[in-house]
């Protein structure tokens, strides 16, 4: 996937918030918004570990194919 001049960014939305808290975690390459405390924490951990994996491999988010990104996110989702 080539995205010359564009920056790739992940946005995660948690839709199971019943406690009324507004949760937002922002970083350079992603933003996680909403969700219950547990959901928000799981999504954040998943994305952080995925970004660390890409960093170790020397890959930018822009260089990862959608299927590969899906697989990485799935692999790094806490059990």
PDB file of N, CA and C in Angstrom:
ATOM      1  N   UNK A   1       0.853  -1.160   0.000  1.00  0.00           N
ATOM      2  CA  UNK A   1       0.000   0.000   0.000  1.00  0.00           C
ATOM      3  C   UNK A   1       0.903   1.228   0.000  1.00  0.00           C
ATOM      4  N   UNK A   2       0.748   2.096  -0.967  1.00  0.00           N
ATOM      5  CA  UNK A   2       1.532   3.326  -0.996  1.00  0.00           C
ATOM      6  C   UNK A   2       0.622   4.502  -0.688  1.00  0.00           C
ATOM      7  N   UNK A   3       1.139   5.376   0.150  1.00  0.00           N
ATOM      8  CA  UNK A   3       0.364   6.555   0.556  1.00  0.00           C
ATOM      9  C   UNK A   3       1.296   7.755   0.577  1.00  0.00           C
ATOM     10  N   UNK A   4       1.891   8.080  -0.569  1.00  0.00           N
ATOM     11  CA  UNK A   4       2.821   9.200  -0.627  1.00  0.00           C
ATOM     12  C   UNK A   4       2.141  10.478  -0.161  1.00  0.00           C
ATOM     13  N   UNK A   5       2.828  11.163   0.743  1.00  0.00           N
ATOM     14  CA  UNK A   5       2.316  12.435   1.226  1.00  0.00           C
ATOM     15  C   UNK A   5       1.206  12.300   2.256  1.00  0.00           C
ATOM     16  N   UNK A   6       0.783  11.079   2.545  1.00  0.00           N
ATOM     17  CA  UNK A   6      -0.274  10.873   3.524  1.00  0.00           C
ATOM     18  C   UNK A   6       0.291  10.146   4.723  1.00  0.00           C
ATOM     19  N   UNK A   7      -0.282  10.409   5.872  1.00  0.00           N
ATOM     20  CA  UNK A   7       0.135   9.743   7.097  1.00  0.00           C
ATOM     21  C   UNK A   7      -0.949   8.750   7.497  1.00  0.00           C
ATOM     22  N   UNK A   8      -0.544   7.535   7.769  1.00  0.00           N
ATOM     23  CA  UNK A   8      -1.482   6.503   8.179  1.00  0.00           C
ATOM     24  C   UNK A   8      -1.638   6.554   9.694  1.00  0.00           C
ATOM     25  N   UNK A   9      -2.866   6.392  10.155  1.00  0.00           N
ATOM     26  CA  UNK A   9      -3.213   6.563  11.557  1.00  0.00           C
ATOM     27  C   UNK A   9      -4.285   5.534  11.901  1.00  0.00           C
ATOM     28  N   UNK A  10      -4.169   4.884  13.040  1.00  0.00           N
ATOM     29  CA  UNK A  10      -5.197   3.948  13.489  1.00  0.00           C
ATOM     30  C   UNK A  10      -6.131   4.631  14.476  1.00  0.00           C
ATOM     31  N   UNK A  11      -7.405   4.359  14.327  1.00  0.00           N
ATOM     32  CA  UNK A  11      -8.414   4.868  15.247  1.00  0.00           C
ATOM     33  C   UNK A  11      -9.196   3.685  15.783  1.00  0.00           C
ATOM     34  N   UNK A  12      -9.195   3.523  17.096  1.00  0.00           N
ATOM     35  CA  UNK A  12      -9.959   2.460  17.732  1.00  0.00           C
ATOM     36  C   UNK A  12     -11.113   3.064  18.513  1.00  0.00           C
ATOM     37  N   UNK A  13     -12.296   2.512  18.319  1.00  0.00           N
ATOM     38  CA  UNK A  13     -13.485   2.999  19.015  1.00  0.00           C
ATOM     39  C   UNK A  13     -14.080   1.889  19.856  1.00  0.00           C
ATOM     40  N   UNK A  14     -14.216   2.133  21.145  1.00  0.00           N
ATOM     41  CA  UNK A  14     -14.886   1.201  22.044  1.00  0.00           C
ATOM     42  C   UNK A  14     -16.322   1.645  22.219  1.00  0.00           C
ATOM     43  N   UNK A  15     -17.241   0.734  22.041  1.00  0.00           N
ATOM     44  CA  UNK A  15     -18.658   1.105  22.057  1.00  0.00           C
ATOM     45  C   UNK A  15     -19.420   0.557  23.259  1.00  0.00           C
ATOM     46  N   UNK A  16     -18.716  -0.025  24.227  1.00  0.00           N
ATOM     47  CA  UNK A  16     -19.402  -0.676  25.345  1.00  0.00           C
ATOM     48  C   UNK A  16     -19.326   0.113  26.652  1.00  0.00           C
ATOM     49  N   UNK A  17     -19.209   1.417  26.585  1.00  0.00           N
ATOM     50  CA  UNK A  17     -19.075   2.238  27.785  1.00  0.00           C
ATOM     51  C   UNK A  17     -20.432   2.462  28.431  1.00  0.00           C
ATOM     52  N   UNK A  18     -20.559   1.967  29.659  1.00  0.00           N
ATOM     53  CA  UNK A  18     -21.813   2.161  30.385  1.00  0.00           C
ATOM     54  C   UNK A  18     -21.623   2.970  31.660  1.00  0.00           C
ATOM     55  N   UNK A  19     -20.367   3.360  31.964  1.00  0.00           N
ATOM     56  CA  UNK A  19     -20.114   4.072  33.219  1.00  0.00           C
ATOM     57  C   UNK A  19     -20.044   5.591  33.057  1.00  0.00           C
ATOM     58  N   UNK A  20     -20.176   6.083  31.834  1.00  0.00           N
ATOM     59  CA  UNK A  20     -20.195   7.516  31.612  1.00  0.00           C
ATOM     60  C   UNK A  20     -18.832   8.181  31.511  1.00  0.00           C
ATOM     61  N   UNK A  21     -17.754   7.437  31.711  1.00  0.00           N
ATOM     62  CA  UNK A  21     -16.413   8.020  31.603  1.00  0.00           C
ATOM     63  C   UNK A  21     -16.032   8.201  30.140  1.00  0.00           C
ATOM     64  N   UNK A  22     -15.315   9.271  29.874  1.00  0.00           N
ATOM     65  CA  UNK A  22     -14.790   9.513  28.535  1.00  0.00           C
ATOM     66  C   UNK A  22     -13.318   9.138  28.541  1.00  0.00           C
ATOM     67  N   UNK A  23     -12.977   8.107  27.787  1.00  0.00           N
ATOM     68  CA  UNK A  23     -11.599   7.613  27.751  1.00  0.00           C
ATOM     69  C   UNK A  23     -10.998   7.884  26.379  1.00  0.00           C
ATOM     70  N   UNK A  24      -9.830   8.515  26.383  1.00  0.00           N
ATOM     71  CA  UNK A  24      -9.105   8.786  25.138  1.00  0.00           C
ATOM     72  C   UNK A  24      -7.622   8.560  25.405  1.00  0.00           C
ATOM     73  N   UNK A  25      -7.013   7.755  24.559  1.00  0.00           N
ATOM     74  CA  UNK A  25      -5.565   7.549  24.599  1.00  0.00           C
ATOM     75  C   UNK A  25      -5.036   7.934  23.225  1.00  0.00           C
ATOM     76  N   UNK A  26      -4.150   8.940  23.195  1.00  0.00           N
ATOM     77  CA  UNK A  26      -3.614   9.427  21.932  1.00  0.00           C
ATOM     78  C   UNK A  26      -2.113   9.192  21.865  1.00  0.00           C
ATOM     79  N   UNK A  27      -1.658   8.877  20.677  1.00  0.00           N
ATOM     80  CA  UNK A  27      -0.239   8.740  20.400  1.00  0.00           C
ATOM     81  C   UNK A  27      -0.004   9.236  18.977  1.00  0.00           C
ATOM     82  N   UNK A  28       1.225   9.224  18.555  1.00  0.00           N
ATOM     83  CA  UNK A  28       1.563   9.743  17.230  1.00  0.00           C
ATOM     84  C   UNK A  28       0.874   8.964  16.110  1.00  0.00           C
ATOM     85  N   UNK A  29       0.752   7.642  16.286  1.00  0.00           N
ATOM     86  CA  UNK A  29       0.234   6.808  15.198  1.00  0.00           C
ATOM     87  C   UNK A  29      -1.136   6.213  15.456  1.00  0.00           C
ATOM     88  N   UNK A  30      -1.733   6.512  16.618  1.00  0.00           N
ATOM     89  CA  UNK A  30      -3.056   5.952  16.890  1.00  0.00           C
ATOM     90  C   UNK A  30      -3.802   6.771  17.936  1.00  0.00           C
ATOM     91  N   UNK A  31      -5.106   6.539  17.976  1.00  0.00           N
ATOM     92  CA  UNK A  31      -5.973   7.115  19.002  1.00  0.00           C
ATOM     93  C   UNK A  31      -7.008   6.055  19.356  1.00  0.00           C
ATOM     94  N   UNK A  32      -7.182   5.829  20.648  1.00  0.00           N
ATOM     95  CA  UNK A  32      -8.201   4.914  21.150  1.00  0.00           C
ATOM     96  C   UNK A  32      -9.211   5.779  21.900  1.00  0.00           C
ATOM     97  N   UNK A  33     -10.479   5.637  21.550  1.00  0.00           N
ATOM     98  CA  UNK A  33     -11.517   6.455  22.184  1.00  0.00           C
ATOM     99  C   UNK A  33     -12.672   5.569  22.631  1.00  0.00           C
ATOM    100  N   UNK A  34     -13.178   5.875  23.814  1.00  0.00           N
ATOM    101  CA  UNK A  34     -14.370   5.212  24.310  1.00  0.00           C
ATOM    102  C   UNK A  34     -14.104   3.844  24.897  1.00  0.00           C
ATOM    103  N   UNK A  35     -15.188   3.143  25.131  1.00  0.00           N
ATOM    104  CA  UNK A  35     -15.134   1.807  25.683  1.00  0.00           C
ATOM    105  C   UNK A  35     -15.142   1.808  27.197  1.00  0.00           C
ATOM    106  N   UNK A  36     -15.483   0.655  27.737  1.00  0.00           N
ATOM    107  CA  UNK A  36     -15.378   0.467  29.183  1.00  0.00           C
ATOM    108  C   UNK A  36     -13.895   0.515  29.541  1.00  0.00           C
ATOM    109  N   UNK A  37     -13.592   0.568  30.821  1.00  0.00           N
ATOM    110  CA  UNK A  37     -12.192   0.596  31.238  1.00  0.00           C
ATOM    111  C   UNK A  37     -11.450  -0.632  30.699  1.00  0.00           C
ATOM    112  N   UNK A  38     -12.070  -1.807  30.825  1.00  0.00           N
ATOM    113  CA  UNK A  38     -11.433  -3.042  30.360  1.00  0.00           C
ATOM    114  C   UNK A  38     -11.224  -3.030  28.845  1.00  0.00           C
ATOM    115  N   UNK A  39     -12.236  -2.645  28.098  1.00  0.00           N
ATOM    116  CA  UNK A  39     -12.128  -2.611  26.637  1.00  0.00           C
ATOM    117  C   UNK A  39     -11.079  -1.612  26.196  1.00  0.00           C
ATOM    118  N   UNK A  40     -11.102  -0.434  26.783  1.00  0.00           N
ATOM    119  CA  UNK A  40     -10.153   0.614  26.414  1.00  0.00           C
ATOM    120  C   UNK A  40      -8.714   0.147  26.680  1.00  0.00           C
ATOM    121  N   UNK A  41      -8.496  -0.453  27.838  1.00  0.00           N
ATOM    122  CA  UNK A  41      -7.162  -0.948  28.183  1.00  0.00           C
ATOM    123  C   UNK A  41      -6.711  -2.050  27.227  1.00  0.00           C
ATOM    124  N   UNK A  42      -7.609  -2.971  26.874  1.00  0.00           N
ATOM    125  CA  UNK A  42      -7.257  -4.058  25.942  1.00  0.00           C
ATOM    126  C   UNK A  42      -6.920  -3.507  24.568  1.00  0.00           C
ATOM    127  N   UNK A  43      -7.719  -2.563  24.088  1.00  0.00           N
ATOM    128  CA  UNK A  43      -7.446  -1.975  22.771  1.00  0.00           C
ATOM    129  C   UNK A  43      -6.115  -1.240  22.777  1.00  0.00           C
ATOM    130  N   UNK A  44      -5.863  -0.481  23.829  1.00  0.00           N
ATOM    131  CA  UNK A  44      -4.611   0.271  23.925  1.00  0.00           C
ATOM    132  C   UNK A  44      -3.422  -0.679  23.955  1.00  0.00           C
ATOM    133  N   UNK A  45      -3.497  -1.719  24.774  1.00  0.00           N
ATOM    134  CA  UNK A  45      -2.402  -2.691  24.853  1.00  0.00           C
ATOM    135  C   UNK A  45      -2.165  -3.363  23.499  1.00  0.00           C
ATOM    136  N   UNK A  46      -3.226  -3.722  22.824  1.00  0.00           N
ATOM    137  CA  UNK A  46      -3.118  -4.367  21.512  1.00  0.00           C
ATOM    138  C   UNK A  46      -2.390  -3.474  20.516  1.00  0.00           C
ATOM    139  N   UNK A  47      -2.795  -2.223  20.444  1.00  0.00           N
ATOM    140  CA  UNK A  47      -2.196  -1.313  19.463  1.00  0.00           C
ATOM    141  C   UNK A  47      -0.751  -0.978  19.837  1.00  0.00           C
ATOM    142  N   UNK A  48      -0.474  -0.758  21.103  1.00  0.00           N
ATOM    143  CA  UNK A  48       0.901  -0.456  21.527  1.00  0.00           C
ATOM    144  C   UNK A  48       1.824  -1.620  21.177  1.00  0.00           C
ATOM    145  N   UNK A  49       1.422  -2.850  21.482  1.00  0.00           N
ATOM    146  CA  UNK A  49       2.249  -4.019  21.167  1.00  0.00           C
ATOM    147  C   UNK A  49       2.420  -4.177  19.655  1.00  0.00           C
ATOM    148  N   UNK A  50       1.387  -3.888  18.898  1.00  0.00           N
ATOM    149  CA  UNK A  50       1.477  -3.972  17.433  1.00  0.00           C
ATOM    150  C   UNK A  50       2.468  -2.945  16.906  1.00  0.00           C
ATOM    151  N   UNK A  51       2.413  -1.728  17.415  1.00  0.00           N
ATOM    152  CA  UNK A  51       3.348  -0.684  16.978  1.00  0.00           C
ATOM    153  C   UNK A  51       4.784  -1.041  17.361  1.00  0.00           C
ATOM    154  N   UNK A  52       4.966  -1.602  18.553  1.00  0.00           N
ATOM    155  CA  UNK A  52       6.304  -2.046  18.966  1.00  0.00           C
ATOM    156  C   UNK A  52       6.826  -3.129  18.029  1.00  0.00           C
ATOM    157  N   UNK A  53       5.956  -4.048  17.639  1.00  0.00           N
ATOM    158  CA  UNK A  53       6.333  -5.118  16.708  1.00  0.00           C
ATOM    159  C   UNK A  53       6.786  -4.520  15.377  1.00  0.00           C
ATOM    160  N   UNK A  54       6.035  -3.555  14.869  1.00  0.00           N
ATOM    161  CA  UNK A  54       6.411  -2.904  13.605  1.00  0.00           C
ATOM    162  C   UNK A  54       7.746  -2.185  13.749  1.00  0.00           C
ATOM    163  N   UNK A  55       7.959  -1.525  14.871  1.00  0.00           N
ATOM    164  CA  UNK A  55       9.222  -0.814  15.111  1.00  0.00           C
ATOM    165  C   UNK A  55      10.405  -1.778  15.081  1.00  0.00           C
ATOM    166  N   UNK A  56      10.251  -2.923  15.744  1.00  0.00           N
ATOM    167  CA  UNK A  56      11.325  -3.917  15.774  1.00  0.00           C
ATOM    168  C   UNK A  56      11.638  -4.396  14.358  1.00  0.00           C
ATOM    169  N   UNK A  57      10.609  -4.537  13.537  1.00  0.00           N
ATOM    170  CA  UNK A  57      10.791  -4.990  12.154  1.00  0.00           C
ATOM    171  C   UNK A  57      11.215  -3.858  11.221  1.00  0.00           C
ATOM    172  N   UNK A  58      11.286  -2.639  11.747  1.00  0.00           N
ATOM    173  CA  UNK A  58      11.705  -1.504  10.933  1.00  0.00           C
ATOM    174  C   UNK A  58      10.670  -1.094   9.898  1.00  0.00           C
ATOM    175  N   UNK A  59       9.393  -1.344  10.210  1.00  0.00           N
ATOM    176  CA  UNK A  59       8.312  -1.023   9.273  1.00  0.00           C
ATOM    177  C   UNK A  59       7.485   0.147   9.800  1.00  0.00           C
ATOM    178  N   UNK A  60       7.058   0.980   8.888  1.00  0.00           N
ATOM    179  CA  UNK A  60       6.107   2.040   9.206  1.00  0.00           C
ATOM    180  C   UNK A  60       4.700   1.505   8.995  1.00  0.00           C
ATOM    181  N   UNK A  61       3.753   2.111   9.649  1.00  0.00           N
ATOM    182  CA  UNK A  61       2.356   1.719   9.478  1.00  0.00           C
ATOM    183  C   UNK A  61       1.940   1.830   8.018  1.00  0.00           C
ATOM    184  N   UNK A  62       2.490   2.813   7.319  1.00  0.00           N
ATOM    185  CA  UNK A  62       2.165   3.034   5.916  1.00  0.00           C
ATOM    186  C   UNK A  62       2.605   1.885   5.011  1.00  0.00           C
ATOM    187  N   UNK A  63       3.565   1.095   5.474  1.00  0.00           N
ATOM    188  CA  UNK A  63       4.135   0.017   4.671  1.00  0.00           C
ATOM    189  C   UNK A  63       3.453  -1.330   4.871  1.00  0.00           C
ATOM    190  N   UNK A  64       2.533  -1.405   5.802  1.00  0.00           N
ATOM    191  CA  UNK A  64       1.900  -2.675   6.153  1.00  0.00           C
ATOM    192  C   UNK A  64       0.602  -2.843   5.365  1.00  0.00           C
ATOM    193  N   UNK A  65       0.469  -3.993   4.745  1.00  0.00           N
ATOM    194  CA  UNK A  65      -0.775  -4.314   4.036  1.00  0.00           C
ATOM    195  C   UNK A  65      -1.909  -4.510   5.048  1.00  0.00           C
ATOM    196  N   UNK A  66      -3.138  -4.207   4.666  1.00  0.00           N
ATOM    197  CA  UNK A  66      -4.268  -4.350   5.595  1.00  0.00           C
ATOM    198  C   UNK A  66      -4.371  -5.741   6.219  1.00  0.00           C
ATOM    199  N   UNK A  67      -4.170  -6.785   5.437  1.00  0.00           N
ATOM    200  CA  UNK A  67      -4.255  -8.146   5.979  1.00  0.00           C
ATOM    201  C   UNK A  67      -3.176  -8.423   7.006  1.00  0.00           C
ATOM    202  N   UNK A  68      -1.974  -7.933   6.743  1.00  0.00           N
ATOM    203  CA  UNK A  68      -0.878  -8.116   7.691  1.00  0.00           C
ATOM    204  C   UNK A  68      -1.167  -7.354   8.989  1.00  0.00           C
ATOM    205  N   UNK A  69      -1.689  -6.148   8.871  1.00  0.00           N
ATOM    206  CA  UNK A  69      -2.030  -5.363  10.056  1.00  0.00           C
ATOM    207  C   UNK A  69      -3.119  -6.062  10.859  1.00  0.00           C
ATOM    208  N   UNK A  70      -4.117  -6.584  10.182  1.00  0.00           N
ATOM    209  CA  UNK A  70      -5.192  -7.320  10.855  1.00  0.00           C
ATOM    210  C   UNK A  70      -4.609  -8.491  11.650  1.00  0.00           C
ATOM    211  N   UNK A  71      -3.701  -9.260  11.015  1.00  0.00           N
ATOM    212  CA  UNK A  71      -3.081 -10.398  11.670  1.00  0.00           C
ATOM    213  C   UNK A  71      -2.261  -9.982  12.883  1.00  0.00           C
ATOM    214  N   UNK A  72      -1.509  -8.885  12.760  1.00  0.00           N
ATOM    215  CA  UNK A  72      -0.707  -8.395  13.877  1.00  0.00           C
ATOM    216  C   UNK A  72      -1.591  -7.955  15.039  1.00  0.00           C
ATOM    217  N   UNK A  73      -2.660  -7.228  14.736  1.00  0.00           N
ATOM    218  CA  UNK A  73      -3.573  -6.788  15.789  1.00  0.00           C
ATOM    219  C   UNK A  73      -4.184  -7.988  16.499  1.00  0.00           C
ATOM    220  N   UNK A  74      -4.576  -8.984  15.724  1.00  0.00           N
ATOM    221  CA  UNK A  74      -5.158 -10.195  16.313  1.00  0.00           C
ATOM    222  C   UNK A  74      -4.147 -10.909  17.197  1.00  0.00           C
ATOM    223  N   UNK A  75      -2.907 -11.014  16.717  1.00  0.00           N
ATOM    224  CA  UNK A  75      -1.842 -11.700  17.452  1.00  0.00           C
ATOM    225  C   UNK A  75      -1.531 -10.998  18.780  1.00  0.00           C
ATOM    226  N   UNK A  76      -1.629  -9.671  18.808  1.00  0.00           N
ATOM    227  CA  UNK A  76      -1.242  -8.911  19.993  1.00  0.00           C
ATOM    228  C   UNK A  76      -2.424  -8.573  20.911  1.00  0.00           C
ATOM    229  N   UNK A  77      -3.597  -9.073  20.599  1.00  0.00           N
ATOM    230  CA  UNK A  77      -4.750  -8.848  21.472  1.00  0.00           C
ATOM    231  C   UNK A  77      -4.613  -9.731  22.706  1.00  0.00           C
ATOM    232  N   UNK A  78      -4.698  -9.143  23.915  1.00  0.00           N
ATOM    233  CA  UNK A  78      -4.568  -9.938  25.140  1.00  0.00           C
ATOM    234  C   UNK A  78      -5.658 -11.011  25.215  1.00  0.00           C
ATOM    235  N   UNK A  79      -5.284 -12.144  25.778  1.00  0.00           N
ATOM    236  CA  UNK A  79      -6.235 -13.277  25.902  1.00  0.00           C
ATOM    237  C   UNK A  79      -7.306 -12.996  26.931  1.00  0.00           C
TER     238      UNK A  79
END
